[in-house]
Amino acid sequence: MGQSFLMDTNVIIGYLSKLLPAEASASIDQLPAVISVITRIELLGWYNATPAQLEKLQLFIGNAQVYDLNEEIIVQTITLRQQHKIKLPDAVIAATALVYDHTLLTRNTGDFKNIIGLRMESPWA
């Protein structure tokens, strides 16, 4: 089975805002959209988003596979929070990637660097 990816919020914002390098954007065009419920909340909870921006986000999320919280993700999130100084949203995103064996696409690789077993790539690298 090929490599699968979970997209962090910053990657989606960069992608939809056309701020990614062209090669990264073209690669993401070919990927299925897979996100955590935390990313859904972060995207749609964007303060001061225009109606057009919210519509674009809704369309993206509507076409995405969104992983909701389940017991396995909750337990993994708790473990990550016990082992690392990590913000709750980042812990949920990392736990989701670990539970479903996805590589995390993120700009903020430093936020996740100490998590053993978590594979990461940055579209900006």
C-alpha atoms as a PDB file:
ATOM      1  CA  MET A   1       0.000   0.000   0.000  1.00  0.00           C
ATOM      2  CA  GLY A   2       1.288   3.483  -0.833  1.00  0.00           C
ATOM      3  CA  GLN A   3       2.005   6.315   1.514  1.00  0.00           C
ATOM      4  CA  SER A   4      -1.053   8.159   2.812  1.00  0.00           C
ATOM      5  CA  PHE A   5      -1.199  11.662   4.237  1.00  0.00           C
ATOM      6  CA  LEU A   6      -3.092  13.588   6.894  1.00  0.00           C
ATOM      7  CA  MET A   7      -3.156  17.324   6.139  1.00  0.00           C
ATOM      8  CA  ASP A   8      -2.545  19.836   8.909  1.00  0.00           C
ATOM      9  CA  THR A   9      -4.580  23.030   8.991  1.00  0.00           C
ATOM     10  CA  ASN A  10      -1.676  25.214   7.816  1.00  0.00           C
ATOM     11  CA  VAL A  11      -1.199  23.072   4.711  1.00  0.00           C
ATOM     12  CA  ILE A  12      -4.841  23.421   3.701  1.00  0.00           C
ATOM     13  CA  ILE A  13      -4.778  27.180   4.233  1.00  0.00           C
ATOM     14  CA  GLY A  14      -1.578  27.430   2.181  1.00  0.00           C
ATOM     15  CA  TYR A  15      -3.022  25.192  -0.527  1.00  0.00           C
ATOM     16  CA  LEU A  16      -6.373  26.979  -0.827  1.00  0.00           C
ATOM     17  CA  SER A  17      -4.691  30.397  -0.654  1.00  0.00           C
ATOM     18  CA  LYS A  18      -2.220  29.377  -3.391  1.00  0.00           C
ATOM     19  CA  LEU A  19       0.740  30.004  -1.066  1.00  0.00           C
ATOM     20  CA  LEU A  20       2.417  26.622  -1.509  1.00  0.00           C
ATOM     21  CA  PRO A  21       5.311  26.090  -3.888  1.00  0.00           C
ATOM     22  CA  ALA A  22       3.923  25.063  -7.298  1.00  0.00           C
ATOM     23  CA  GLU A  23       5.358  21.543  -7.117  1.00  0.00           C
ATOM     24  CA  ALA A  24       3.816  20.943  -3.671  1.00  0.00           C
ATOM     25  CA  SER A  25       0.462  22.287  -4.791  1.00  0.00           C
ATOM     26  CA  ALA A  26       0.485  19.987  -7.819  1.00  0.00           C
ATOM     27  CA  SER A  27       1.291  17.023  -5.563  1.00  0.00           C
ATOM     28  CA  ILE A  28      -1.545  17.874  -3.180  1.00  0.00           C
ATOM     29  CA  ASP A  29      -3.897  18.112  -6.163  1.00  0.00           C
ATOM     30  CA  GLN A  30      -3.325  14.369  -6.610  1.00  0.00           C
ATOM     31  CA  LEU A  31      -3.925  13.397  -2.971  1.00  0.00           C
ATOM     32  CA  PRO A  32      -7.199  12.473  -1.337  1.00  0.00           C
ATOM     33  CA  ALA A  33      -8.084  15.139   1.225  1.00  0.00           C
ATOM     34  CA  VAL A  34      -7.752  13.531   4.662  1.00  0.00           C
ATOM     35  CA  ILE A  35      -8.017  15.622   7.829  1.00  0.00           C
ATOM     36  CA  SER A  36      -8.653  15.429  11.549  1.00  0.00           C
ATOM     37  CA  VAL A  37     -11.841  16.778  13.092  1.00  0.00           C
ATOM     38  CA  ILE A  38      -9.562  19.336  14.798  1.00  0.00           C
ATOM     39  CA  THR A  39      -8.539  20.680  11.399  1.00  0.00           C
ATOM     40  CA  ARG A  40     -12.209  20.942  10.442  1.00  0.00           C
ATOM     41  CA  ILE A  41     -12.875  22.944  13.622  1.00  0.00           C
ATOM     42  CA  GLU A  42      -9.835  25.173  13.093  1.00  0.00           C
ATOM     43  CA  LEU A  43     -10.712  25.890   9.463  1.00  0.00           C
ATOM     44  CA  LEU A  44     -14.395  26.637   9.992  1.00  0.00           C
ATOM     45  CA  GLY A  45     -13.720  28.514  13.226  1.00  0.00           C
ATOM     46  CA  TRP A  46     -11.505  30.985  11.369  1.00  0.00           C
ATOM     47  CA  TYR A  47     -12.247  34.383  12.883  1.00  0.00           C
ATOM     48  CA  ASN A  48     -13.197  37.072  10.354  1.00  0.00           C
ATOM     49  CA  ALA A  49     -13.315  34.688   7.403  1.00  0.00           C
ATOM     50  CA  THR A  50     -15.251  36.138   4.511  1.00  0.00           C
ATOM     51  CA  PRO A  51     -18.318  34.305   3.192  1.00  0.00           C
ATOM     52  CA  ALA A  52     -16.323  33.387   0.071  1.00  0.00           C
ATOM     53  CA  GLN A  53     -13.489  31.943   2.165  1.00  0.00           C
ATOM     54  CA  LEU A  54     -15.918  29.952   4.297  1.00  0.00           C
ATOM     55  CA  GLU A  55     -17.615  28.616   1.181  1.00  0.00           C
ATOM     56  CA  LYS A  56     -14.254  27.447  -0.192  1.00  0.00           C
ATOM     57  CA  LEU A  57     -13.429  25.793   3.142  1.00  0.00           C
ATOM     58  CA  GLN A  58     -16.856  24.120   3.331  1.00  0.00           C
ATOM     59  CA  LEU A  59     -16.388  22.719  -0.163  1.00  0.00           C
ATOM     60  CA  PHE A  60     -12.930  21.387   0.677  1.00  0.00           C
ATOM     61  CA  ILE A  61     -14.126  19.780   3.918  1.00  0.00           C
ATOM     62  CA  GLY A  62     -17.216  18.378   2.234  1.00  0.00           C
ATOM     63  CA  ASN A  63     -14.932  16.477  -0.159  1.00  0.00           C
ATOM     64  CA  ALA A  64     -12.495  15.382   2.553  1.00  0.00           C
ATOM     65  CA  GLN A  65     -12.330  12.308   4.700  1.00  0.00           C
ATOM     66  CA  VAL A  66     -12.618  13.700   8.228  1.00  0.00           C
ATOM     67  CA  TYR A  67     -11.499  11.487  11.107  1.00  0.00           C
ATOM     68  CA  ASP A  68     -13.662  12.082  14.149  1.00  0.00           C
ATOM     69  CA  LEU A  69     -12.463  11.460  17.680  1.00  0.00           C
ATOM     70  CA  ASN A  70     -12.665   7.856  18.773  1.00  0.00           C
ATOM     71  CA  GLU A  71     -11.332   5.990  21.780  1.00  0.00           C
ATOM     72  CA  GLU A  72      -8.051   5.041  20.105  1.00  0.00           C
ATOM     73  CA  ILE A  73      -7.313   8.655  19.100  1.00  0.00           C
ATOM     74  CA  ILE A  74      -8.297   9.899  22.565  1.00  0.00           C
ATOM     75  CA  VAL A  75      -5.952   7.427  24.308  1.00  0.00           C
ATOM     76  CA  GLN A  76      -3.095   8.266  21.897  1.00  0.00           C
ATOM     77  CA  THR A  77      -3.710  12.012  22.456  1.00  0.00           C
ATOM     78  CA  ILE A  78      -3.533  11.538  26.225  1.00  0.00           C
ATOM     79  CA  THR A  79      -0.276   9.607  25.860  1.00  0.00           C
ATOM     80  CA  LEU A  80       1.240  12.326  23.665  1.00  0.00           C
ATOM     81  CA  ARG A  81       0.212  15.039  26.124  1.00  0.00           C
ATOM     82  CA  GLN A  82       1.756  13.070  28.998  1.00  0.00           C
ATOM     83  CA  GLN A  83       5.025  12.561  27.125  1.00  0.00           C
ATOM     84  CA  HIS A  84       5.437  15.912  25.359  1.00  0.00           C
ATOM     85  CA  LYS A  85       4.725  19.559  25.891  1.00  0.00           C
ATOM     86  CA  ILE A  86       2.288  19.830  22.988  1.00  0.00           C
ATOM     87  CA  LYS A  87      -0.879  21.832  22.447  1.00  0.00           C
ATOM     88  CA  LEU A  88      -4.101  19.835  22.546  1.00  0.00           C
ATOM     89  CA  PRO A  89      -5.050  20.459  18.873  1.00  0.00           C
ATOM     90  CA  ASP A  90      -1.567  19.399  17.721  1.00  0.00           C
ATOM     91  CA  ALA A  91      -1.741  16.319  19.946  1.00  0.00           C
ATOM     92  CA  VAL A  92      -5.075  15.283  18.417  1.00  0.00           C
ATOM     93  CA  ILE A  93      -3.742  15.789  14.885  1.00  0.00           C
ATOM     94  CA  ALA A  94      -0.559  13.824  15.646  1.00  0.00           C
ATOM     95  CA  ALA A  95      -2.551  11.070  17.359  1.00  0.00           C
ATOM     96  CA  THR A  96      -4.852  10.807  14.346  1.00  0.00           C
ATOM     97  CA  ALA A  97      -1.876  10.452  12.002  1.00  0.00           C
ATOM     98  CA  LEU A  98      -0.349   7.790  14.236  1.00  0.00           C
ATOM     99  CA  VAL A  99      -3.543   5.788  14.713  1.00  0.00           C
ATOM    100  CA  TYR A 100      -4.304   5.698  10.987  1.00  0.00           C
ATOM    101  CA  ASP A 101      -0.642   5.353   9.915  1.00  0.00           C
ATOM    102  CA  HIS A 102      -0.592   8.542   7.842  1.00  0.00           C
ATOM    103  CA  THR A 103       2.342  10.827   7.158  1.00  0.00           C
ATOM    104  CA  LEU A 104       1.523  14.277   8.524  1.00  0.00           C
ATOM    105  CA  LEU A 105       1.748  17.113   6.000  1.00  0.00           C
ATOM    106  CA  THR A 106       2.534  20.234   8.009  1.00  0.00           C
ATOM    107  CA  ARG A 107       4.483  23.439   7.882  1.00  0.00           C
ATOM    108  CA  ASN A 108       5.189  23.238  11.603  1.00  0.00           C
ATOM    109  CA  THR A 109       7.388  20.152  11.745  1.00  0.00           C
ATOM    110  CA  GLY A 110       9.106  21.538  14.840  1.00  0.00           C
ATOM    111  CA  ASP A 111       5.867  21.226  16.808  1.00  0.00           C
ATOM    112  CA  PHE A 112       5.897  17.464  16.255  1.00  0.00           C
ATOM    113  CA  LYS A 113       9.625  16.631  15.968  1.00  0.00           C
ATOM    114  CA  ASN A 114       9.943  14.647  19.200  1.00  0.00           C
ATOM    115  CA  ILE A 115       7.026  12.304  18.590  1.00  0.00           C
ATOM    116  CA  ILE A 116       8.447   8.859  17.978  1.00  0.00           C
ATOM    117  CA  GLY A 117       6.904   7.052  15.030  1.00  0.00           C
ATOM    118  CA  LEU A 118       5.252  10.120  13.512  1.00  0.00           C
ATOM    119  CA  ARG A 119       6.268  10.607   9.890  1.00  0.00           C
ATOM    120  CA  MET A 120       6.134  14.179   8.596  1.00  0.00           C
ATOM    121  CA  GLU A 121       6.658  16.122   5.407  1.00  0.00           C
ATOM    122  CA  SER A 122       6.507  19.832   4.783  1.00  0.00           C
ATOM    123  CA  PRO A 123       5.222  21.065   1.419  1.00  0.00           C
ATOM    124  CA  TRP A 124       7.442  24.118   1.957  1.00  0.00           C
ATOM    125  CA  ALA A 125      10.652  22.078   2.330  1.00  0.00           C
END
